[in-house]
Amino acid sequence: MSVYVCVCMAITDRQICEAAQGGARNLKDLRRDLGVARECGHCAAYARQCLEEAKQDQKKRDKTKRLVTVNLF
């Protein structure tokens, strides 16, 4: 289930996760790519939090993928 992060632009946490996977690294990237915090800005703090969580999750997945690959050989 997705949660709206930016109501003004109808941006969800899932879209922020996808943007992180696509290379977004900060709020400026999210603003450019998705329009987050472009209108009223109330979503900025939560958008940053979602982005940081997505980046941490990606790091964990990458680490697990490397461990599995190493163990296969």
Protein backbone atom coordinates (compact mmCIF):
# COMPACT_ATOMS: atom_id res chain seq x y z
CA MET A 1 0.00 0.00 0.00
CA SER A 2 1.32 3.44 -0.92
CA VAL A 3 1.01 6.56 1.18
CA TYR A 4 0.81 10.06 -0.25
CA VAL A 5 3.87 12.07 0.71
CA CYS A 6 3.15 15.15 -1.41
CA VAL A 7 -0.57 15.78 -1.68
CA CYS A 8 -0.11 18.85 -3.91
CA MET A 9 1.60 16.79 -6.62
CA ALA A 10 0.03 13.40 -5.72
CA ILE A 11 3.43 11.78 -5.08
CA THR A 12 3.55 8.54 -3.07
CA ASP A 13 6.25 6.89 -1.01
CA ARG A 14 6.46 4.19 -3.68
CA GLN A 15 7.32 6.80 -6.31
CA ILE A 16 10.04 8.18 -4.05
CA CYS A 17 11.47 4.67 -3.64
CA GLU A 18 11.47 4.24 -7.41
CA ALA A 19 13.20 7.61 -7.80
CA ALA A 20 15.86 6.51 -5.30
CA GLN A 21 16.42 3.33 -7.30
CA GLY A 22 16.73 5.53 -10.37
CA GLY A 23 19.47 7.62 -8.77
CA ALA A 24 17.73 10.37 -6.76
CA ARG A 25 19.99 11.24 -3.83
CA ASN A 26 18.45 14.35 -2.26
CA LEU A 27 15.35 16.54 -2.09
CA LYS A 28 16.58 18.61 -5.03
CA ASP A 29 16.58 15.46 -7.17
CA LEU A 30 13.06 14.57 -6.01
CA ARG A 31 11.85 18.09 -6.74
CA ARG A 32 13.36 17.99 -10.23
CA ASP A 33 12.20 14.46 -11.08
CA LEU A 34 8.83 14.23 -9.32
CA GLY A 35 7.83 17.75 -8.31
CA VAL A 36 7.97 16.99 -4.57
CA ALA A 37 7.85 20.14 -2.38
CA ARG A 38 7.41 22.34 -5.42
CA GLU A 39 4.10 23.83 -4.25
CA CYS A 40 3.59 24.38 -0.50
CA GLY A 41 6.68 22.53 0.80
CA HIS A 42 4.98 20.89 3.78
CA CYS A 43 6.04 17.47 2.52
CA ALA A 44 9.78 18.21 2.36
CA ALA A 45 10.75 16.63 5.69
CA TYR A 46 8.74 13.45 5.10
CA ALA A 47 9.97 13.21 1.51
CA ARG A 48 13.58 13.37 2.77
CA GLN A 49 12.80 10.67 5.34
CA CYS A 50 11.25 8.41 2.68
CA LEU A 51 14.25 8.96 0.42
CA GLU A 52 16.73 8.11 3.19
CA GLU A 53 14.79 4.95 4.07
CA ALA A 54 14.72 3.94 0.41
CA LYS A 55 18.47 4.48 0.10
CA GLN A 56 19.11 2.41 3.24
CA ASP A 57 16.88 -0.39 1.94
CA GLN A 58 18.76 -0.31 -1.37
CA LYS A 59 22.11 -0.60 0.44
CA LYS A 60 20.83 -3.62 2.38
CA ARG A 61 19.61 -5.29 -0.82
CA ASP A 62 22.91 -4.59 -2.56
CA LYS A 63 24.87 -6.02 0.36
CA THR A 64 22.69 -9.16 0.45
CA LYS A 65 23.06 -9.56 -3.31
CA ARG A 66 26.87 -9.36 -3.02
CA LEU A 67 26.90 -11.93 -0.20
CA VAL A 68 24.75 -14.35 -2.19
CA THR A 69 26.94 -13.91 -5.26
CA VAL A 70 30.13 -14.50 -3.25
CA ASN A 71 28.71 -17.63 -1.65
CA LEU A 72 27.73 -19.07 -5.03
CA PHE A 73 31.34 -19.14 -6.21
